[in-house]
Structure formats: C-alpha cells, structure tokens
C-alpha cells in the first residue's frame, strides 16, 4: 500500500528534518490553465489531520496530485 500525501509530508517534516522546505507540492487548481498550482514546502505552516495550512489558505490533502523533493517523486495520484 502506498503512503498518503499526508504521510509523505509528515515524513519529510519529522523524520527527515528540513526536507519539507525543499519539497514541491503540486496541488489541483481548476482556475489555472495548467490545472495545478505548485506550493513550496517552505510555505507550509501546519500539517493538520485533514488539511495543510499555508500563510494564505487552508487546503485539503485530497487535492494534492504530486509531491517532489530533490528531483524525486515521492507521491503521485
């Protein structure tokens, strides 16, 4: 069974210190022409149970399409 987006982000935050800041989170966004928005891990303020928080928004994990860190894909829907 593959890990969830939340599990991958928590792994980067707690088990591999400072790697969360290096991650790129591809987040589904219908308002963008490409269909997604890229959020840098350094913009993530809080990892909650069902949502993650940036300075400007509270976003659900289910909209995360892909997580990359150091050129490696760690999660993909």
PDB file of N, CA and C in Angstrom:
ATOM      1  N   UNK A   1       0.838  -1.179   0.000  1.00  0.00           N
ATOM      2  CA  UNK A   1       0.000   0.000   0.000  1.00  0.00           C
ATOM      3  C   UNK A   1       0.889   1.250   0.000  1.00  0.00           C
ATOM      4  N   UNK A   2       0.617   2.157  -0.887  1.00  0.00           N
ATOM      5  CA  UNK A   2       1.444   3.365  -0.986  1.00  0.00           C
ATOM      6  C   UNK A   2       1.027   4.383   0.080  1.00  0.00           C
ATOM      7  N   UNK A   3       1.968   5.206   0.513  1.00  0.00           N
ATOM      8  CA  UNK A   3       1.662   6.193   1.552  1.00  0.00           C
ATOM      9  C   UNK A   3       0.757   7.308   1.016  1.00  0.00           C
ATOM     10  N   UNK A   4       0.006   7.919   1.910  1.00  0.00           N
ATOM     11  CA  UNK A   4      -0.850   9.038   1.536  1.00  0.00           C
ATOM     12  C   UNK A   4      -0.010  10.314   1.451  1.00  0.00           C
ATOM     13  N   UNK A   5      -0.604  11.359   0.866  1.00  0.00           N
ATOM     14  CA  UNK A   5       0.090  12.649   0.764  1.00  0.00           C
ATOM     15  C   UNK A   5       0.436  13.167   2.165  1.00  0.00           C
ATOM     16  N   UNK A   6      -0.481  13.018   3.089  1.00  0.00           N
ATOM     17  CA  UNK A   6      -0.245  13.470   4.472  1.00  0.00           C
ATOM     18  C   UNK A   6       0.935  12.728   5.102  1.00  0.00           C
ATOM     19  N   UNK A   7       0.990  11.415   4.894  1.00  0.00           N
ATOM     20  CA  UNK A   7       2.092  10.626   5.446  1.00  0.00           C
ATOM     21  C   UNK A   7       3.432  11.046   4.854  1.00  0.00           C
ATOM     22  N   UNK A   8       3.467  11.319   3.555  1.00  0.00           N
ATOM     23  CA  UNK A   8       4.708  11.753   2.908  1.00  0.00           C
ATOM     24  C   UNK A   8       5.158  13.101   3.469  1.00  0.00           C
ATOM     25  N   UNK A   9       4.230  14.053   3.614  1.00  0.00           N
ATOM     26  CA  UNK A   9       4.590  15.367   4.154  1.00  0.00           C
ATOM     27  C   UNK A   9       5.060  15.269   5.601  1.00  0.00           C
ATOM     28  N   UNK A  10       4.396  14.447   6.403  1.00  0.00           N
ATOM     29  CA  UNK A  10       4.831  14.265   7.792  1.00  0.00           C
ATOM     30  C   UNK A  10       6.201  13.597   7.867  1.00  0.00           C
ATOM     31  N   UNK A  11       6.447  12.665   6.979  1.00  0.00           N
ATOM     32  CA  UNK A  11       7.761  12.003   6.914  1.00  0.00           C
ATOM     33  C   UNK A  11       8.856  13.037   6.629  1.00  0.00           C
ATOM     34  N   UNK A  12       8.599  13.905   5.668  1.00  0.00           N
ATOM     35  CA  UNK A  12       9.582  14.946   5.336  1.00  0.00           C
ATOM     36  C   UNK A  12       9.774  15.927   6.493  1.00  0.00           C
ATOM     37  N   UNK A  13       8.709  16.208   7.204  1.00  0.00           N
ATOM     38  CA  UNK A  13       8.790  17.185   8.301  1.00  0.00           C
ATOM     39  C   UNK A  13       9.478  16.624   9.540  1.00  0.00           C
ATOM     40  N   UNK A  14       9.138  15.413   9.941  1.00  0.00           N
ATOM     41  CA  UNK A  14       9.604  14.895  11.226  1.00  0.00           C
ATOM     42  C   UNK A  14      10.773  13.925  11.139  1.00  0.00           C
ATOM     43  N   UNK A  15      10.782  13.030  10.164  1.00  0.00           N
ATOM     44  CA  UNK A  15      11.828  12.006  10.121  1.00  0.00           C
ATOM     45  C   UNK A  15      13.044  12.431   9.331  1.00  0.00           C
ATOM     46  N   UNK A  16      12.868  13.397   8.458  1.00  0.00           N
ATOM     47  CA  UNK A  16      13.978  13.892   7.645  1.00  0.00           C
ATOM     48  C   UNK A  16      14.006  15.406   7.792  1.00  0.00           C
ATOM     49  N   UNK A  17      14.518  15.904   8.903  1.00  0.00           N
ATOM     50  CA  UNK A  17      14.433  17.339   9.210  1.00  0.00           C
ATOM     51  C   UNK A  17      14.887  18.233   8.064  1.00  0.00           C
ATOM     52  N   UNK A  18      14.131  19.298   7.881  1.00  0.00           N
ATOM     53  CA  UNK A  18      14.397  20.342   6.897  1.00  0.00           C
ATOM     54  C   UNK A  18      14.185  19.923   5.439  1.00  0.00           C
ATOM     55  N   UNK A  19      13.725  18.712   5.182  1.00  0.00           N
ATOM     56  CA  UNK A  19      13.454  18.323   3.791  1.00  0.00           C
ATOM     57  C   UNK A  19      12.107  18.835   3.320  1.00  0.00           C
ATOM     58  N   UNK A  20      11.193  19.102   4.253  1.00  0.00           N
ATOM     59  CA  UNK A  20       9.891  19.632   3.863  1.00  0.00           C
ATOM     60  C   UNK A  20      10.066  20.954   3.123  1.00  0.00           C
ATOM     61  N   UNK A  21      10.992  21.778   3.551  1.00  0.00           N
ATOM     62  CA  UNK A  21      11.239  23.074   2.913  1.00  0.00           C
ATOM     63  C   UNK A  21      11.717  22.907   1.465  1.00  0.00           C
ATOM     64  N   UNK A  22      12.318  21.769   1.139  1.00  0.00           N
ATOM     65  CA  UNK A  22      12.840  21.520  -0.208  1.00  0.00           C
ATOM     66  C   UNK A  22      11.803  20.890  -1.145  1.00  0.00           C
ATOM     67  N   UNK A  23      10.653  20.507  -0.614  1.00  0.00           N
ATOM     68  CA  UNK A  23       9.643  19.802  -1.400  1.00  0.00           C
ATOM     69  C   UNK A  23       8.800  20.763  -2.235  1.00  0.00           C
ATOM     70  N   UNK A  24       8.266  20.236  -3.323  1.00  0.00           N
ATOM     71  CA  UNK A  24       7.288  20.944  -4.152  1.00  0.00           C
ATOM     72  C   UNK A  24       6.014  20.118  -4.155  1.00  0.00           C
ATOM     73  N   UNK A  25       4.894  20.767  -3.806  1.00  0.00           N
ATOM     74  CA  UNK A  25       3.600  20.101  -3.748  1.00  0.00           C
ATOM     75  C   UNK A  25       2.765  20.606  -4.927  1.00  0.00           C
ATOM     76  N   UNK A  26       2.352  19.695  -5.794  1.00  0.00           N
ATOM     77  CA  UNK A  26       1.515  20.027  -6.945  1.00  0.00           C
ATOM     78  C   UNK A  26       0.067  19.830  -6.517  1.00  0.00           C
ATOM     79  N   UNK A  27      -0.664  20.934  -6.491  1.00  0.00           N
ATOM     80  CA  UNK A  27      -1.993  20.977  -5.912  1.00  0.00           C
ATOM     81  C   UNK A  27      -3.018  21.306  -6.988  1.00  0.00           C
ATOM     82  N   UNK A  28      -4.057  20.488  -7.136  1.00  0.00           N
ATOM     83  CA  UNK A  28      -5.075  20.706  -8.157  1.00  0.00           C
ATOM     84  C   UNK A  28      -5.764  22.050  -8.011  1.00  0.00           C
ATOM     85  N   UNK A  29      -5.810  22.814  -9.096  1.00  0.00           N
ATOM     86  CA  UNK A  29      -6.418  24.142  -9.095  1.00  0.00           C
ATOM     87  C   UNK A  29      -7.063  24.373 -10.459  1.00  0.00           C
ATOM     88  N   UNK A  30      -8.388  24.308 -10.525  1.00  0.00           N
ATOM     89  CA  UNK A  30      -9.109  24.442 -11.801  1.00  0.00           C
ATOM     90  C   UNK A  30      -9.012  25.834 -12.404  1.00  0.00           C
ATOM     91  N   UNK A  31      -8.648  26.824 -11.613  1.00  0.00           N
ATOM     92  CA  UNK A  31      -8.579  28.193 -12.134  1.00  0.00           C
ATOM     93  C   UNK A  31      -7.311  28.455 -12.932  1.00  0.00           C
ATOM     94  N   UNK A  32      -6.340  27.581 -12.833  1.00  0.00           N
ATOM     95  CA  UNK A  32      -5.079  27.743 -13.568  1.00  0.00           C
ATOM     96  C   UNK A  32      -5.161  27.003 -14.898  1.00  0.00           C
ATOM     97  N   UNK A  33      -4.544  27.554 -15.959  1.00  0.00           N
ATOM     98  CA  UNK A  33      -4.582  26.894 -17.268  1.00  0.00           C
ATOM     99  C   UNK A  33      -3.955  25.495 -17.251  1.00  0.00           C
ATOM    100  N   UNK A  34      -2.903  25.312 -16.468  1.00  0.00           N
ATOM    101  CA  UNK A  34      -2.247  24.003 -16.413  1.00  0.00           C
ATOM    102  C   UNK A  34      -2.978  23.018 -15.500  1.00  0.00           C
ATOM    103  N   UNK A  35      -3.947  23.501 -14.712  1.00  0.00           N
ATOM    104  CA  UNK A  35      -4.757  22.619 -13.870  1.00  0.00           C
ATOM    105  C   UNK A  35      -4.196  22.362 -12.484  1.00  0.00           C
ATOM    106  N   UNK A  36      -3.067  22.945 -12.161  1.00  0.00           N
ATOM    107  CA  UNK A  36      -2.482  22.765 -10.832  1.00  0.00           C
ATOM    108  C   UNK A  36      -1.685  23.998 -10.436  1.00  0.00           C
ATOM    109  N   UNK A  37      -1.382  24.061  -9.159  1.00  0.00           N
ATOM    110  CA  UNK A  37      -0.544  25.120  -8.596  1.00  0.00           C
ATOM    111  C   UNK A  37       0.589  24.428  -7.847  1.00  0.00           C
ATOM    112  N   UNK A  38       1.777  24.998  -7.871  1.00  0.00           N
ATOM    113  CA  UNK A  38       2.919  24.432  -7.144  1.00  0.00           C
ATOM    114  C   UNK A  38       3.101  25.227  -5.855  1.00  0.00           C
ATOM    115  N   UNK A  39       3.092  24.494  -4.746  1.00  0.00           N
ATOM    116  CA  UNK A  39       3.308  25.101  -3.429  1.00  0.00           C
ATOM    117  C   UNK A  39       4.636  24.579  -2.904  1.00  0.00           C
ATOM    118  N   UNK A  40       5.503  25.461  -2.527  1.00  0.00           N
ATOM    119  CA  UNK A  40       6.795  25.053  -1.957  1.00  0.00           C
ATOM    120  C   UNK A  40       6.590  24.580  -0.522  1.00  0.00           C
ATOM    121  N   UNK A  41       7.354  23.591  -0.133  1.00  0.00           N
ATOM    122  CA  UNK A  41       7.250  23.074   1.229  1.00  0.00           C
ATOM    123  C   UNK A  41       7.546  24.126   2.278  1.00  0.00           C
ATOM    124  N   UNK A  42       8.382  25.096   1.939  1.00  0.00           N
ATOM    125  CA  UNK A  42       8.706  26.162   2.884  1.00  0.00           C
ATOM    126  C   UNK A  42       7.504  27.051   3.176  1.00  0.00           C
ATOM    127  N   UNK A  43       6.467  27.009   2.316  1.00  0.00           N
ATOM    128  CA  UNK A  43       5.255  27.787   2.525  1.00  0.00           C
ATOM    129  C   UNK A  43       4.263  27.087   3.453  1.00  0.00           C
ATOM    130  N   UNK A  44       4.480  25.810   3.738  1.00  0.00           N
ATOM    131  CA  UNK A  44       3.556  25.060   4.586  1.00  0.00           C
ATOM    132  C   UNK A  44       3.826  25.412   6.044  1.00  0.00           C
ATOM    133  N   UNK A  45       2.779  25.880   6.707  1.00  0.00           N
ATOM    134  CA  UNK A  45       2.896  26.329   8.088  1.00  0.00           C
ATOM    135  C   UNK A  45       2.513  25.218   9.062  1.00  0.00           C
ATOM    136  N   UNK A  46       1.445  24.478   8.735  1.00  0.00           N
ATOM    137  CA  UNK A  46       0.897  23.477   9.649  1.00  0.00           C
ATOM    138  C   UNK A  46       0.411  22.273   8.866  1.00  0.00           C
ATOM    139  N   UNK A  47       0.617  21.076   9.417  1.00  0.00           N
ATOM    140  CA  UNK A  47       0.069  19.845   8.851  1.00  0.00           C
ATOM    141  C   UNK A  47      -0.989  19.339   9.821  1.00  0.00           C
ATOM    142  N   UNK A  48      -2.248  19.534   9.462  1.00  0.00           N
ATOM    143  CA  UNK A  48      -3.354  19.124  10.313  1.00  0.00           C
ATOM    144  C   UNK A  48      -3.836  17.742   9.905  1.00  0.00           C
ATOM    145  N   UNK A  49      -4.909  17.291  10.529  1.00  0.00           N
ATOM    146  CA  UNK A  49      -5.413  15.951  10.253  1.00  0.00           C
ATOM    147  C   UNK A  49      -5.950  15.806   8.826  1.00  0.00           C
ATOM    148  N   UNK A  50      -6.769  16.746   8.379  1.00  0.00           N
ATOM    149  CA  UNK A  50      -7.358  16.665   7.039  1.00  0.00           C
ATOM    150  C   UNK A  50      -6.883  17.757   6.089  1.00  0.00           C
ATOM    151  N   UNK A  51      -6.202  18.749   6.623  1.00  0.00           N
ATOM    152  CA  UNK A  51      -5.769  19.898   5.836  1.00  0.00           C
ATOM    153  C   UNK A  51      -4.315  20.240   6.123  1.00  0.00           C
ATOM    154  N   UNK A  52      -3.706  20.968   5.185  1.00  0.00           N
ATOM    155  CA  UNK A  52      -2.427  21.599   5.477  1.00  0.00           C
ATOM    156  C   UNK A  52      -2.614  23.095   5.269  1.00  0.00           C
ATOM    157  N   UNK A  53      -1.845  23.875   6.012  1.00  0.00           N
ATOM    158  CA  UNK A  53      -2.051  25.313   6.044  1.00  0.00           C
ATOM    159  C   UNK A  53      -0.836  26.044   5.489  1.00  0.00           C
ATOM    160  N   UNK A  54      -1.108  27.063   4.651  1.00  0.00           N
ATOM    161  CA  UNK A  54      -0.093  27.996   4.171  1.00  0.00           C
ATOM    162  C   UNK A  54      -0.437  29.353   4.787  1.00  0.00           C
ATOM    163  N   UNK A  55       0.408  30.356   4.628  1.00  0.00           N
ATOM    164  CA  UNK A  55       0.078  31.663   5.214  1.00  0.00           C
ATOM    165  C   UNK A  55      -1.237  32.266   4.699  1.00  0.00           C
ATOM    166  N   UNK A  56      -1.697  31.842   3.527  1.00  0.00           N
ATOM    167  CA  UNK A  56      -2.900  32.447   2.950  1.00  0.00           C
ATOM    168  C   UNK A  56      -4.093  31.511   2.825  1.00  0.00           C
ATOM    169  N   UNK A  57      -3.928  30.205   3.070  1.00  0.00           N
ATOM    170  CA  UNK A  57      -5.035  29.271   2.835  1.00  0.00           C
ATOM    171  C   UNK A  57      -4.928  28.015   3.690  1.00  0.00           C
ATOM    172  N   UNK A  58      -6.055  27.324   3.794  1.00  0.00           N
ATOM    173  CA  UNK A  58      -6.137  26.011   4.446  1.00  0.00           C
ATOM    174  C   UNK A  58      -6.655  25.049   3.379  1.00  0.00           C
ATOM    175  N   UNK A  59      -5.821  24.082   2.967  1.00  0.00           N
ATOM    176  CA  UNK A  59      -6.100  23.256   1.798  1.00  0.00           C
ATOM    177  C   UNK A  59      -6.209  21.775   2.171  1.00  0.00           C
ATOM    178  N   UNK A  60      -7.160  21.038   1.573  1.00  0.00           N
ATOM    179  CA  UNK A  60      -7.306  19.610   1.874  1.00  0.00           C
ATOM    180  C   UNK A  60      -6.243  18.759   1.166  1.00  0.00           C
ATOM    181  N   UNK A  61      -5.830  17.685   1.820  1.00  0.00           N
ATOM    182  CA  UNK A  61      -4.815  16.791   1.253  1.00  0.00           C
ATOM    183  C   UNK A  61      -5.290  16.093  -0.022  1.00  0.00           C
ATOM    184  N   UNK A  62      -6.591  15.840  -0.152  1.00  0.00           N
ATOM    185  CA  UNK A  62      -7.066  15.057  -1.296  1.00  0.00           C
ATOM    186  C   UNK A  62      -6.852  15.739  -2.638  1.00  0.00           C
ATOM    187  N   UNK A  63      -6.560  17.038  -2.630  1.00  0.00           N
ATOM    188  CA  UNK A  63      -6.306  17.741  -3.888  1.00  0.00           C
ATOM    189  C   UNK A  63      -4.833  17.717  -4.300  1.00  0.00           C
ATOM    190  N   UNK A  64      -3.978  17.153  -3.469  1.00  0.00           N
ATOM    191  CA  UNK A  64      -2.562  17.042  -3.826  1.00  0.00           C
ATOM    192  C   UNK A  64      -2.418  15.986  -4.916  1.00  0.00           C
ATOM    193  N   UNK A  65      -1.808  16.369  -6.023  1.00  0.00           N
ATOM    194  CA  UNK A  65      -1.606  15.457  -7.148  1.00  0.00           C
ATOM    195  C   UNK A  65      -0.231  14.805  -7.133  1.00  0.00           C
ATOM    196  N   UNK A  66       0.782  15.570  -6.672  1.00  0.00           N
ATOM    197  CA  UNK A  66       2.146  15.031  -6.691  1.00  0.00           C
ATOM    198  C   UNK A  66       2.991  15.773  -5.661  1.00  0.00           C
ATOM    199  N   UNK A  67       3.963  15.061  -5.082  1.00  0.00           N
ATOM    200  CA  UNK A  67       4.948  15.666  -4.178  1.00  0.00           C
ATOM    201  C   UNK A  67       6.321  15.266  -4.683  1.00  0.00           C
ATOM    202  N   UNK A  68       7.164  16.271  -4.930  1.00  0.00           N
ATOM    203  CA  UNK A  68       8.540  16.038  -5.368  1.00  0.00           C
ATOM    204  C   UNK A  68       9.504  16.646  -4.356  1.00  0.00           C
ATOM    205  N   UNK A  69      10.652  16.013  -4.202  1.00  0.00           N
ATOM    206  CA  UNK A  69      11.704  16.540  -3.345  1.00  0.00           C
ATOM    207  C   UNK A  69      13.056  16.131  -3.946  1.00  0.00           C
ATOM    208  N   UNK A  70      13.897  17.099  -4.195  1.00  0.00           N
ATOM    209  CA  UNK A  70      15.221  16.879  -4.767  1.00  0.00           C
ATOM    210  C   UNK A  70      15.144  16.095  -6.080  1.00  0.00           C
ATOM    211  N   UNK A  71      14.158  16.431  -6.912  1.00  0.00           N
ATOM    212  CA  UNK A  71      14.024  15.793  -8.209  1.00  0.00           C
ATOM    213  C   UNK A  71      13.393  14.408  -8.188  1.00  0.00           C
ATOM    214  N   UNK A  72      13.020  13.917  -7.021  1.00  0.00           N
ATOM    215  CA  UNK A  72      12.432  12.589  -6.869  1.00  0.00           C
ATOM    216  C   UNK A  72      10.939  12.720  -6.556  1.00  0.00           C
ATOM    217  N   UNK A  73      10.113  11.939  -7.258  1.00  0.00           N
ATOM    218  CA  UNK A  73       8.680  11.935  -6.987  1.00  0.00           C
ATOM    219  C   UNK A  73       8.412  11.009  -5.813  1.00  0.00           C
ATOM    220  N   UNK A  74       7.874  11.564  -4.719  1.00  0.00           N
ATOM    221  CA  UNK A  74       7.595  10.793  -3.512  1.00  0.00           C
ATOM    222  C   UNK A  74       6.157  10.356  -3.426  1.00  0.00           C
ATOM    223  N   UNK A  75       5.260  11.098  -4.080  1.00  0.00           N
ATOM    224  CA  UNK A  75       3.842  10.784  -4.081  1.00  0.00           C
ATOM    225  C   UNK A  75       3.250  11.215  -5.417  1.00  0.00           C
ATOM    226  N   UNK A  76       2.379  10.390  -5.969  1.00  0.00           N
ATOM    227  CA  UNK A  76       1.672  10.765  -7.197  1.00  0.00           C
ATOM    228  C   UNK A  76       0.347  10.037  -7.233  1.00  0.00           C
ATOM    229  N   UNK A  77      -0.680  10.783  -7.559  1.00  0.00           N
ATOM    230  CA  UNK A  77      -2.023  10.225  -7.662  1.00  0.00           C
ATOM    231  C   UNK A  77      -2.220   9.557  -8.989  1.00  0.00           C
TER     232      UNK A  77
END
